[in-house]
mmCIF file of all heavy atoms, coordinates in Angstrom:
data_MODEL
# 
_entry.id   MODEL 
# 
loop_
_atom_site.group_PDB 
_atom_site.id 
_atom_site.type_symbol 
_atom_site.label_atom_id 
_atom_site.label_alt_id 
_atom_site.label_comp_id 
_atom_site.label_asym_id 
_atom_site.label_entity_id 
_atom_site.label_seq_id 
_atom_site.pdbx_PDB_ins_code 
_atom_site.Cartn_x 
_atom_site.Cartn_y 
_atom_site.Cartn_z 
_atom_site.occupancy 
_atom_site.B_iso_or_equiv 
_atom_site.pdbx_formal_charge 
_atom_site.auth_seq_id 
_atom_site.auth_comp_id 
_atom_site.auth_asym_id 
_atom_site.auth_atom_id 
_atom_site.pdbx_PDB_model_num 
ATOM 1   N N   . VAL A 1 1  ? 108.637 180.302 130.271 1.00 0.00 ? 1  VAL A N   1 
ATOM 2   C CA  . VAL A 1 1  ? 108.784 178.945 129.798 1.00 0.00 ? 1  VAL A CA  1 
ATOM 3   C C   . VAL A 1 1  ? 107.547 178.137 130.174 1.00 0.00 ? 1  VAL A C   1 
ATOM 4   O O   . VAL A 1 1  ? 107.190 178.113 131.425 1.00 0.00 ? 1  VAL A O   1 
ATOM 5   C CB  . VAL A 1 1  ? 110.005 178.236 130.393 1.00 0.00 ? 1  VAL A CB  1 
ATOM 6   C CG1 . VAL A 1 1  ? 110.160 176.853 129.963 1.00 0.00 ? 1  VAL A CG1 1 
ATOM 7   C CG2 . VAL A 1 1  ? 111.280 179.098 130.130 1.00 0.00 ? 1  VAL A CG2 1 
ATOM 8   N N   . HIS A 1 2  ? 106.880 177.603 129.247 1.00 0.00 ? 2  HIS A N   1 
ATOM 9   C CA  . HIS A 1 2  ? 105.603 176.847 129.442 1.00 0.00 ? 2  HIS A CA  1 
ATOM 10  C C   . HIS A 1 2  ? 105.980 175.391 129.129 1.00 0.00 ? 2  HIS A C   1 
ATOM 11  O O   . HIS A 1 2  ? 106.513 175.030 128.106 1.00 0.00 ? 2  HIS A O   1 
ATOM 12  C CB  . HIS A 1 2  ? 104.528 177.293 128.526 1.00 0.00 ? 2  HIS A CB  1 
ATOM 13  C CG  . HIS A 1 2  ? 104.132 178.714 128.613 1.00 0.00 ? 2  HIS A CG  1 
ATOM 14  N ND1 . HIS A 1 2  ? 103.574 179.260 129.794 1.00 0.00 ? 2  HIS A ND1 1 
ATOM 15  C CD2 . HIS A 1 2  ? 104.348 179.742 127.814 1.00 0.00 ? 2  HIS A CD2 1 
ATOM 16  C CE1 . HIS A 1 2  ? 103.418 180.605 129.582 1.00 0.00 ? 2  HIS A CE1 1 
ATOM 17  N NE2 . HIS A 1 2  ? 103.795 180.993 128.391 1.00 0.00 ? 2  HIS A NE2 1 
ATOM 18  N N   . GLN A 1 3  ? 105.561 174.481 130.071 1.00 0.00 ? 3  GLN A N   1 
ATOM 19  C CA  . GLN A 1 3  ? 105.731 173.061 129.895 1.00 0.00 ? 3  GLN A CA  1 
ATOM 20  C C   . GLN A 1 3  ? 104.363 172.387 130.010 1.00 0.00 ? 3  GLN A C   1 
ATOM 21  O O   . GLN A 1 3  ? 103.624 172.732 130.927 1.00 0.00 ? 3  GLN A O   1 
ATOM 22  C CB  . GLN A 1 3  ? 106.683 172.470 130.959 1.00 0.00 ? 3  GLN A CB  1 
ATOM 23  C CG  . GLN A 1 3  ? 106.813 170.960 131.023 1.00 0.00 ? 3  GLN A CG  1 
ATOM 24  C CD  . GLN A 1 3  ? 107.474 170.308 129.836 1.00 0.00 ? 3  GLN A CD  1 
ATOM 25  O OE1 . GLN A 1 3  ? 108.634 170.674 129.561 1.00 0.00 ? 3  GLN A OE1 1 
ATOM 26  N NE2 . GLN A 1 3  ? 106.784 169.466 129.133 1.00 0.00 ? 3  GLN A NE2 1 
ATOM 27  N N   . GLU A 1 4  ? 104.044 171.532 129.061 1.00 0.00 ? 4  GLU A N   1 
ATOM 28  C CA  . GLU A 1 4  ? 102.809 170.778 129.149 1.00 0.00 ? 4  GLU A CA  1 
ATOM 29  C C   . GLU A 1 4  ? 103.071 169.469 129.890 1.00 0.00 ? 4  GLU A C   1 
ATOM 30  O O   . GLU A 1 4  ? 104.128 168.834 129.657 1.00 0.00 ? 4  GLU A O   1 
ATOM 31  C CB  . GLU A 1 4  ? 102.314 170.471 127.816 1.00 0.00 ? 4  GLU A CB  1 
ATOM 32  C CG  . GLU A 1 4  ? 100.882 170.027 127.856 1.00 0.00 ? 4  GLU A CG  1 
ATOM 33  C CD  . GLU A 1 4  ? 100.076 170.196 126.487 1.00 0.00 ? 4  GLU A CD  1 
ATOM 34  O OE1 . GLU A 1 4  ? 100.232 171.290 125.954 1.00 0.00 ? 4  GLU A OE1 1 
ATOM 35  O OE2 . GLU A 1 4  ? 99.325  169.284 126.186 1.00 0.00 ? 4  GLU A OE2 1 
ATOM 36  N N   . TYR A 1 5  ? 102.196 169.079 130.747 1.00 0.00 ? 5  TYR A N   1 
ATOM 37  C CA  . TYR A 1 5  ? 102.290 167.876 131.615 1.00 0.00 ? 5  TYR A CA  1 
ATOM 38  C C   . TYR A 1 5  ? 101.095 167.018 131.327 1.00 0.00 ? 5  TYR A C   1 
ATOM 39  O O   . TYR A 1 5  ? 99.942  167.536 131.123 1.00 0.00 ? 5  TYR A O   1 
ATOM 40  C CB  . TYR A 1 5  ? 102.359 168.147 133.074 1.00 0.00 ? 5  TYR A CB  1 
ATOM 41  C CG  . TYR A 1 5  ? 103.645 168.949 133.447 1.00 0.00 ? 5  TYR A CG  1 
ATOM 42  C CD1 . TYR A 1 5  ? 103.662 170.360 133.411 1.00 0.00 ? 5  TYR A CD1 1 
ATOM 43  C CD2 . TYR A 1 5  ? 104.787 168.243 133.863 1.00 0.00 ? 5  TYR A CD2 1 
ATOM 44  C CE1 . TYR A 1 5  ? 104.872 171.019 133.772 1.00 0.00 ? 5  TYR A CE1 1 
ATOM 45  C CE2 . TYR A 1 5  ? 105.959 168.918 134.220 1.00 0.00 ? 5  TYR A CE2 1 
ATOM 46  C CZ  . TYR A 1 5  ? 105.960 170.282 134.190 1.00 0.00 ? 5  TYR A CZ  1 
ATOM 47  O OH  . TYR A 1 5  ? 107.105 170.938 134.545 1.00 0.00 ? 5  TYR A OH  1 
ATOM 48  N N   . SER A 1 6  ? 101.187 165.723 131.526 1.00 0.00 ? 6  SER A N   1 
ATOM 49  C CA  . SER A 1 6  ? 100.020 164.866 131.427 1.00 0.00 ? 6  SER A CA  1 
ATOM 50  C C   . SER A 1 6  ? 99.949  164.138 132.911 1.00 0.00 ? 6  SER A C   1 
ATOM 51  O O   . SER A 1 6  ? 100.839 164.126 133.620 1.00 0.00 ? 6  SER A O   1 
ATOM 52  C CB  . SER A 1 6  ? 100.163 163.799 130.443 1.00 0.00 ? 6  SER A CB  1 
ATOM 53  O OG  . SER A 1 6  ? 101.310 162.878 130.728 1.00 0.00 ? 6  SER A OG  1 
ATOM 54  N N   . PHE A 1 7  ? 98.687  163.695 133.170 1.00 0.00 ? 7  PHE A N   1 
ATOM 55  C CA  . PHE A 1 7  ? 98.435  163.013 134.450 1.00 0.00 ? 7  PHE A CA  1 
ATOM 56  C C   . PHE A 1 7  ? 97.282  162.040 134.258 1.00 0.00 ? 7  PHE A C   1 
ATOM 57  O O   . PHE A 1 7  ? 96.450  162.319 133.379 1.00 0.00 ? 7  PHE A O   1 
ATOM 58  C CB  . PHE A 1 7  ? 98.208  164.036 135.563 1.00 0.00 ? 7  PHE A CB  1 
ATOM 59  C CG  . PHE A 1 7  ? 97.017  164.929 135.405 1.00 0.00 ? 7  PHE A CG  1 
ATOM 60  C CD1 . PHE A 1 7  ? 95.789  164.671 135.858 1.00 0.00 ? 7  PHE A CD1 1 
ATOM 61  C CD2 . PHE A 1 7  ? 97.219  166.076 134.716 1.00 0.00 ? 7  PHE A CD2 1 
ATOM 62  C CE1 . PHE A 1 7  ? 94.724  165.435 135.630 1.00 0.00 ? 7  PHE A CE1 1 
ATOM 63  C CE2 . PHE A 1 7  ? 96.126  167.010 134.451 1.00 0.00 ? 7  PHE A CE2 1 
ATOM 64  C CZ  . PHE A 1 7  ? 94.954  166.675 134.965 1.00 0.00 ? 7  PHE A CZ  1 
ATOM 65  N N   . HIS A 1 8  ? 97.250  161.082 135.102 1.00 0.00 ? 8  HIS A N   1 
ATOM 66  C CA  . HIS A 1 8  ? 96.111  160.106 135.104 1.00 0.00 ? 8  HIS A CA  1 
ATOM 67  C C   . HIS A 1 8  ? 94.873  160.791 135.694 1.00 0.00 ? 8  HIS A C   1 
ATOM 68  O O   . HIS A 1 8  ? 94.967  161.366 136.764 1.00 0.00 ? 8  HIS A O   1 
ATOM 69  C CB  . HIS A 1 8  ? 96.437  158.875 135.818 1.00 0.00 ? 8  HIS A CB  1 
ATOM 70  C CG  . HIS A 1 8  ? 97.486  158.024 135.041 1.00 0.00 ? 8  HIS A CG  1 
ATOM 71  N ND1 . HIS A 1 8  ? 97.133  157.269 134.011 1.00 0.00 ? 8  HIS A ND1 1 
ATOM 72  C CD2 . HIS A 1 8  ? 98.808  157.917 135.280 1.00 0.00 ? 8  HIS A CD2 1 
ATOM 73  C CE1 . HIS A 1 8  ? 98.285  156.714 133.567 1.00 0.00 ? 8  HIS A CE1 1 
ATOM 74  N NE2 . HIS A 1 8  ? 99.276  157.158 134.325 1.00 0.00 ? 8  HIS A NE2 1 
ATOM 75  N N   . LEU A 1 9  ? 93.741  160.693 134.965 1.00 0.00 ? 9  LEU A N   1 
ATOM 76  C CA  . LEU A 1 9  ? 92.510  161.237 135.463 1.00 0.00 ? 9  LEU A CA  1 
ATOM 77  C C   . LEU A 1 9  ? 91.972  160.376 136.539 1.00 0.00 ? 9  LEU A C   1 
ATOM 78  O O   . LEU A 1 9  ? 92.129  159.189 136.562 1.00 0.00 ? 9  LEU A O   1 
ATOM 79  C CB  . LEU A 1 9  ? 91.453  161.319 134.321 1.00 0.00 ? 9  LEU A CB  1 
ATOM 80  C CG  . LEU A 1 9  ? 91.896  162.292 133.179 1.00 0.00 ? 9  LEU A CG  1 
ATOM 81  C CD1 . LEU A 1 9  ? 91.007  162.072 131.982 1.00 0.00 ? 9  LEU A CD1 1 
ATOM 82  C CD2 . LEU A 1 9  ? 91.845  163.748 133.653 1.00 0.00 ? 9  LEU A CD2 1 
ATOM 83  N N   . PRO A 1 10 ? 91.337  161.031 137.587 1.00 0.00 ? 10 PRO A N   1 
ATOM 84  C CA  . PRO A 1 10 ? 90.728  160.207 138.626 1.00 0.00 ? 10 PRO A CA  1 
ATOM 85  C C   . PRO A 1 10 ? 89.592  159.388 138.156 1.00 0.00 ? 10 PRO A C   1 
ATOM 86  O O   . PRO A 1 10 ? 88.930  159.806 137.196 1.00 0.00 ? 10 PRO A O   1 
ATOM 87  C CB  . PRO A 1 10 ? 90.292  161.315 139.682 1.00 0.00 ? 10 PRO A CB  1 
ATOM 88  C CG  . PRO A 1 10 ? 90.185  162.530 138.885 1.00 0.00 ? 10 PRO A CG  1 
ATOM 89  C CD  . PRO A 1 10 ? 91.164  162.450 137.769 1.00 0.00 ? 10 PRO A CD  1 
ATOM 90  N N   . ASP A 1 11 ? 89.374  158.226 138.740 1.00 0.00 ? 11 ASP A N   1 
ATOM 91  C CA  . ASP A 1 11 ? 88.344  157.389 138.471 1.00 0.00 ? 11 ASP A CA  1 
ATOM 92  C C   . ASP A 1 11 ? 87.055  158.101 138.895 1.00 0.00 ? 11 ASP A C   1 
ATOM 93  O O   . ASP A 1 11 ? 86.918  158.344 140.066 1.00 0.00 ? 11 ASP A O   1 
ATOM 94  C CB  . ASP A 1 11 ? 88.478  156.042 139.060 1.00 0.00 ? 11 ASP A CB  1 
ATOM 95  C CG  . ASP A 1 11 ? 87.506  154.978 138.506 1.00 0.00 ? 11 ASP A CG  1 
ATOM 96  O OD1 . ASP A 1 11 ? 86.444  155.429 137.906 1.00 0.00 ? 11 ASP A OD1 1 
ATOM 97  O OD2 . ASP A 1 11 ? 87.672  153.829 138.840 1.00 0.00 ? 11 ASP A OD2 1 
ATOM 98  N N   . PRO A 1 12 ? 86.094  158.427 137.997 1.00 0.00 ? 12 PRO A N   1 
ATOM 99  C CA  . PRO A 1 12 ? 84.880  159.056 138.460 1.00 0.00 ? 12 PRO A CA  1 
ATOM 100 C C   . PRO A 1 12 ? 83.897  158.172 139.315 1.00 0.00 ? 12 PRO A C   1 
ATOM 101 O O   . PRO A 1 12 ? 83.072  158.653 139.981 1.00 0.00 ? 12 PRO A O   1 
ATOM 102 C CB  . PRO A 1 12 ? 84.172  159.484 137.167 1.00 0.00 ? 12 PRO A CB  1 
ATOM 103 C CG  . PRO A 1 12 ? 84.718  158.490 136.198 1.00 0.00 ? 12 PRO A CG  1 
ATOM 104 C CD  . PRO A 1 12 ? 86.052  158.127 136.584 1.00 0.00 ? 12 PRO A CD  1 
ATOM 105 N N   . ARG A 1 13 ? 84.171  156.919 139.338 1.00 0.00 ? 13 ARG A N   1 
ATOM 106 C CA  . ARG A 1 13 ? 83.344  155.944 140.055 1.00 0.00 ? 13 ARG A CA  1 
ATOM 107 C C   . ARG A 1 13 ? 83.955  155.774 141.454 1.00 0.00 ? 13 ARG A C   1 
ATOM 108 O O   . ARG A 1 13 ? 85.156  155.545 141.577 1.00 0.00 ? 13 ARG A O   1 
ATOM 109 C CB  . ARG A 1 13 ? 83.221  154.618 139.488 1.00 0.00 ? 13 ARG A CB  1 
ATOM 110 C CG  . ARG A 1 13 ? 82.647  154.673 137.988 1.00 0.00 ? 13 ARG A CG  1 
ATOM 111 C CD  . ARG A 1 13 ? 82.969  153.427 137.262 1.00 0.00 ? 13 ARG A CD  1 
ATOM 112 N NE  . ARG A 1 13 ? 84.451  153.300 137.223 1.00 0.00 ? 13 ARG A NE  1 
ATOM 113 C CZ  . ARG A 1 13 ? 85.078  152.355 136.574 1.00 0.00 ? 13 ARG A CZ  1 
ATOM 114 N NH1 . ARG A 1 13 ? 84.410  151.401 135.949 1.00 0.00 ? 13 ARG A NH1 1 
ATOM 115 N NH2 . ARG A 1 13 ? 86.370  152.348 136.549 1.00 0.00 ? 13 ARG A NH2 1 
ATOM 116 N N   . PRO A 1 14 ? 83.092  155.845 142.477 1.00 0.00 ? 14 PRO A N   1 
ATOM 117 C CA  . PRO A 1 14 ? 83.709  155.657 143.872 1.00 0.00 ? 14 PRO A CA  1 
ATOM 118 C C   . PRO A 1 14 ? 84.161  154.128 143.995 1.00 0.00 ? 14 PRO A C   1 
ATOM 119 O O   . PRO A 1 14 ? 83.579  153.270 143.337 1.00 0.00 ? 14 PRO A O   1 
ATOM 120 C CB  . PRO A 1 14 ? 82.544  155.959 144.791 1.00 0.00 ? 14 PRO A CB  1 
ATOM 121 C CG  . PRO A 1 14 ? 81.339  155.959 143.927 1.00 0.00 ? 14 PRO A CG  1 
ATOM 122 C CD  . PRO A 1 14 ? 81.711  156.242 142.494 1.00 0.00 ? 14 PRO A CD  1 
ATOM 123 N N   . ALA A 1 15 ? 85.119  153.912 144.798 1.00 0.00 ? 15 ALA A N   1 
ATOM 124 C CA  . ALA A 1 15 ? 85.568  152.529 145.051 1.00 0.00 ? 15 ALA A CA  1 
ATOM 125 C C   . ALA A 1 15 ? 84.514  151.800 145.783 1.00 0.00 ? 15 ALA A C   1 
ATOM 126 O O   . ALA A 1 15 ? 83.769  152.336 146.634 1.00 0.00 ? 15 ALA A O   1 
ATOM 127 C CB  . ALA A 1 15 ? 86.815  152.590 145.877 1.00 0.00 ? 15 ALA A CB  1 
ATOM 128 N N   . PRO A 1 16 ? 84.304  150.477 145.435 1.00 0.00 ? 16 PRO A N   1 
ATOM 129 C CA  . PRO A 1 16 ? 83.220  149.729 146.051 1.00 0.00 ? 16 PRO A CA  1 
ATOM 130 C C   . PRO A 1 16 ? 83.560  149.583 147.545 1.00 0.00 ? 16 PRO A C   1 
ATOM 131 O O   . PRO A 1 16 ? 84.723  149.396 147.904 1.00 0.00 ? 16 PRO A O   1 
ATOM 132 C CB  . PRO A 1 16 ? 83.220  148.447 145.319 1.00 0.00 ? 16 PRO A CB  1 
ATOM 133 C CG  . PRO A 1 16 ? 84.455  148.374 144.576 1.00 0.00 ? 16 PRO A CG  1 
ATOM 134 C CD  . PRO A 1 16 ? 84.994  149.740 144.374 1.00 0.00 ? 16 PRO A CD  1 
ATOM 135 N N   . MET A 1 17 ? 82.572  149.601 148.374 1.00 0.00 ? 17 MET A N   1 
ATOM 136 C CA  . MET A 1 17 ? 82.722  149.483 149.842 1.00 0.00 ? 17 MET A CA  1 
ATOM 137 C C   . MET A 1 17 ? 81.923  148.313 150.317 1.00 0.00 ? 17 MET A C   1 
ATOM 138 O O   . MET A 1 17 ? 80.768  148.135 149.812 1.00 0.00 ? 17 MET A O   1 
ATOM 139 C CB  . MET A 1 17 ? 82.310  150.732 150.524 1.00 0.00 ? 17 MET A CB  1 
ATOM 140 C CG  . MET A 1 17 ? 83.135  151.916 150.285 1.00 0.00 ? 17 MET A CG  1 
ATOM 141 S SD  . MET A 1 17 ? 82.618  153.382 151.149 1.00 0.00 ? 17 MET A SD  1 
ATOM 142 C CE  . MET A 1 17 ? 82.544  152.849 152.788 1.00 0.00 ? 17 MET A CE  1 
ATOM 143 N N   . GLU A 1 18 ? 82.497  147.566 151.178 1.00 0.00 ? 18 GLU A N   1 
ATOM 144 C CA  . GLU A 1 18 ? 81.791  146.496 151.916 1.00 0.00 ? 18 GLU A CA  1 
ATOM 145 C C   . GLU A 1 18 ? 81.062  147.111 153.075 1.00 0.00 ? 18 GLU A C   1 
ATOM 146 O O   . GLU A 1 18 ? 81.520  148.106 153.665 1.00 0.00 ? 18 GLU A O   1 
ATOM 147 C CB  . GLU A 1 18 ? 82.775  145.417 152.362 1.00 0.00 ? 18 GLU A CB  1 
ATOM 148 C CG  . GLU A 1 18 ? 83.506  144.725 151.224 1.00 0.00 ? 18 GLU A CG  1 
ATOM 149 C CD  . GLU A 1 18 ? 82.539  143.879 150.387 1.00 0.00 ? 18 GLU A CD  1 
ATOM 150 O OE1 . GLU A 1 18 ? 81.626  143.291 150.916 1.00 0.00 ? 18 GLU A OE1 1 
ATOM 151 O OE2 . GLU A 1 18 ? 82.860  143.774 149.237 1.00 0.00 ? 18 GLU A OE2 1 
ATOM 152 N N   . ALA A 1 19 ? 80.017  146.525 153.515 1.00 0.00 ? 19 ALA A N   1 
ATOM 153 C CA  . ALA A 1 19 ? 79.178  147.028 154.613 1.00 0.00 ? 19 ALA A CA  1 
ATOM 154 C C   . ALA A 1 19 ? 80.083  147.017 155.820 1.00 0.00 ? 19 ALA A C   1 
ATOM 155 O O   . ALA A 1 19 ? 80.826  146.056 156.162 1.00 0.00 ? 19 ALA A O   1 
ATOM 156 C CB  . ALA A 1 19 ? 77.990  146.154 154.844 1.00 0.00 ? 19 ALA A CB  1 
ATOM 157 N N   . GLY A 1 20 ? 80.065  148.080 156.572 1.00 0.00 ? 20 GLY A N   1 
ATOM 158 C CA  . GLY A 1 20 ? 80.812  148.239 157.853 1.00 0.00 ? 20 GLY A CA  1 
ATOM 159 C C   . GLY A 1 20 ? 82.285  148.612 157.699 1.00 0.00 ? 20 GLY A C   1 
ATOM 160 O O   . GLY A 1 20 ? 83.027  148.632 158.632 1.00 0.00 ? 20 GLY A O   1 
ATOM 161 N N   . GLU A 1 21 ? 82.806  148.918 156.430 1.00 0.00 ? 21 GLU A N   1 
ATOM 162 C CA  . GLU A 1 21 ? 84.165  149.283 156.187 1.00 0.00 ? 21 GLU A CA  1 
ATOM 163 C C   . GLU A 1 21 ? 84.480  150.714 156.823 1.00 0.00 ? 21 GLU A C   1 
ATOM 164 O O   . GLU A 1 21 ? 85.549  151.025 157.067 1.00 0.00 ? 21 GLU A O   1 
ATOM 165 C CB  . GLU A 1 21 ? 84.511  149.290 154.725 1.00 0.00 ? 21 GLU A CB  1 
ATOM 166 C CG  . GLU A 1 21 ? 84.849  147.872 154.289 1.00 0.00 ? 21 GLU A CG  1 
ATOM 167 C CD  . GLU A 1 21 ? 85.358  147.882 152.766 1.00 0.00 ? 21 GLU A CD  1 
ATOM 168 O OE1 . GLU A 1 21 ? 85.791  148.918 152.314 1.00 0.00 ? 21 GLU A OE1 1 
ATOM 169 O OE2 . GLU A 1 21 ? 85.367  146.864 152.227 1.00 0.00 ? 21 GLU A OE2 1 
ATOM 170 N N   . GLY A 1 22 ? 83.441  151.555 156.807 1.00 0.00 ? 22 GLY A N   1 
ATOM 171 C CA  . GLY A 1 22 ? 83.701  152.933 157.191 1.00 0.00 ? 22 GLY A CA  1 
ATOM 172 C C   . GLY A 1 22 ? 84.275  153.745 156.001 1.00 0.00 ? 22 GLY A C   1 
ATOM 173 O O   . GLY A 1 22 ? 84.031  153.499 154.915 1.00 0.00 ? 22 GLY A O   1 
ATOM 174 N N   . LEU A 1 23 ? 84.962  154.778 156.357 1.00 0.00 ? 23 LEU A N   1 
ATOM 175 C CA  . LEU A 1 23 ? 85.559  155.683 155.412 1.00 0.00 ? 23 LEU A CA  1 
ATOM 176 C C   . LEU A 1 23 ? 86.786  155.132 154.689 1.00 0.00 ? 23 LEU A C   1 
ATOM 177 O O   . LEU A 1 23 ? 87.662  154.558 155.320 1.00 0.00 ? 23 LEU A O   1 
ATOM 178 C CB  . LEU A 1 23 ? 85.931  157.009 156.100 1.00 0.00 ? 23 LEU A CB  1 
ATOM 179 C CG  . LEU A 1 23 ? 86.255  158.223 155.273 1.00 0.00 ? 23 LEU A CG  1 
ATOM 180 C CD1 . LEU A 1 23 ? 85.194  158.632 154.354 1.00 0.00 ? 23 LEU A CD1 1 
ATOM 181 C CD2 . LEU A 1 23 ? 86.703  159.270 156.182 1.00 0.00 ? 23 LEU A CD2 1 
ATOM 182 N N   . VAL A 1 24 ? 86.759  155.232 153.372 1.00 0.00 ? 24 VAL A N   1 
ATOM 183 C CA  . VAL A 1 24 ? 87.885  154.739 152.536 1.00 0.00 ? 24 VAL A CA  1 
ATOM 184 C C   . VAL A 1 24 ? 88.558  155.980 151.927 1.00 0.00 ? 24 VAL A C   1 
ATOM 185 O O   . VAL A 1 24 ? 87.971  156.616 151.127 1.00 0.00 ? 24 VAL A O   1 
ATOM 186 C CB  . VAL A 1 24 ? 87.510  153.727 151.473 1.00 0.00 ? 24 VAL A CB  1 
ATOM 187 C CG1 . VAL A 1 24 ? 88.653  153.321 150.620 1.00 0.00 ? 24 VAL A CG1 1 
ATOM 188 C CG2 . VAL A 1 24 ? 86.766  152.558 152.113 1.00 0.00 ? 24 VAL A CG2 1 
ATOM 189 N N   . PRO A 1 25 ? 89.809  156.288 152.328 1.00 0.00 ? 25 PRO A N   1 
ATOM 190 C CA  . PRO A 1 25 ? 90.429  157.458 151.760 1.00 0.00 ? 25 PRO A CA  1 
ATOM 191 C C   . PRO A 1 25 ? 90.881  157.184 150.363 1.00 0.00 ? 25 PRO A C   1 
ATOM 192 O O   . PRO A 1 25 ? 91.288  156.021 149.984 1.00 0.00 ? 25 PRO A O   1 
ATOM 193 C CB  . PRO A 1 25 ? 91.697  157.638 152.672 1.00 0.00 ? 25 PRO A CB  1 
ATOM 194 C CG  . PRO A 1 25 ? 91.938  156.362 153.258 1.00 0.00 ? 25 PRO A CG  1 
ATOM 195 C CD  . PRO A 1 25 ? 90.614  155.648 153.362 1.00 0.00 ? 25 PRO A CD  1 
ATOM 196 N N   . ARG A 1 26 ? 90.807  158.282 149.507 1.00 0.00 ? 26 ARG A N   1 
ATOM 197 C CA  . ARG A 1 26 ? 91.288  158.132 148.089 1.00 0.00 ? 26 ARG A CA  1 
ATOM 198 C C   . ARG A 1 26 ? 92.200  159.318 147.822 1.00 0.00 ? 26 ARG A C   1 
ATOM 199 O O   . ARG A 1 26 ? 91.936  160.404 148.268 1.00 0.00 ? 26 ARG A O   1 
ATOM 200 C CB  . ARG A 1 26 ? 90.074  158.301 147.176 1.00 0.00 ? 26 ARG A CB  1 
ATOM 201 C CG  . ARG A 1 26 ? 89.137  157.126 147.171 1.00 0.00 ? 26 ARG A CG  1 
ATOM 202 C CD  . ARG A 1 26 ? 88.041  157.296 146.212 1.00 0.00 ? 26 ARG A CD  1 
ATOM 203 N NE  . ARG A 1 26 ? 88.523  157.238 144.780 1.00 0.00 ? 26 ARG A NE  1 
ATOM 204 C CZ  . ARG A 1 26 ? 87.710  157.539 143.827 1.00 0.00 ? 26 ARG A CZ  1 
ATOM 205 N NH1 . ARG A 1 26 ? 86.440  157.703 143.975 1.00 0.00 ? 26 ARG A NH1 1 
ATOM 206 N NH2 . ARG A 1 26 ? 88.291  157.535 142.577 1.00 0.00 ? 26 ARG A NH2 1 
ATOM 207 N N   . GLY A 1 27 ? 93.282  159.013 147.093 1.00 0.00 ? 27 GLY A N   1 
ATOM 208 C CA  . GLY A 1 27 ? 94.252  160.109 146.819 1.00 0.00 ? 27 GLY A CA  1 
ATOM 209 C C   . GLY A 1 27 ? 93.592  161.085 145.819 1.00 0.00 ? 27 GLY A C   1 
ATOM 210 O O   . GLY A 1 27 ? 92.834  160.649 145.011 1.00 0.00 ? 27 GLY A O   1 
ATOM 211 N N   . THR A 1 28 ? 93.938  162.312 145.978 1.00 0.00 ? 28 THR A N   1 
ATOM 212 C CA  . THR A 1 28 ? 93.411  163.324 144.986 1.00 0.00 ? 28 THR A CA  1 
ATOM 213 C C   . THR A 1 28 ? 94.498  164.096 144.353 1.00 0.00 ? 28 THR A C   1 
ATOM 214 O O   . THR A 1 28 ? 94.172  164.938 143.576 1.00 0.00 ? 28 THR A O   1 
ATOM 215 C CB  . THR A 1 28 ? 92.478  164.314 145.781 1.00 0.00 ? 28 THR A CB  1 
ATOM 216 O OG1 . THR A 1 28 ? 93.270  164.970 146.775 1.00 0.00 ? 28 THR A OG1 1 
ATOM 217 C CG2 . THR A 1 28 ? 91.257  163.601 146.380 1.00 0.00 ? 28 THR A CG2 1 
ATOM 218 N N   . GLY A 1 29 ? 95.769  163.775 144.610 1.00 0.00 ? 29 GLY A N   1 
ATOM 219 C CA  . GLY A 1 29 ? 96.818  164.501 143.971 1.00 0.00 ? 29 GLY A CA  1 
ATOM 220 C C   . GLY A 1 29 ? 97.028  164.043 142.551 1.00 0.00 ? 29 GLY A C   1 
ATOM 221 O O   . GLY A 1 29 ? 96.612  162.994 142.135 1.00 0.00 ? 29 GLY A O   1 
# 
């Protein structure tokens, strides 16, 4: 049994960061 699924593609642009924010985690699932 084969089922086709759809999902939102990740944004290829990194999230903007303010100076001094450090590491910003992004979901990858």
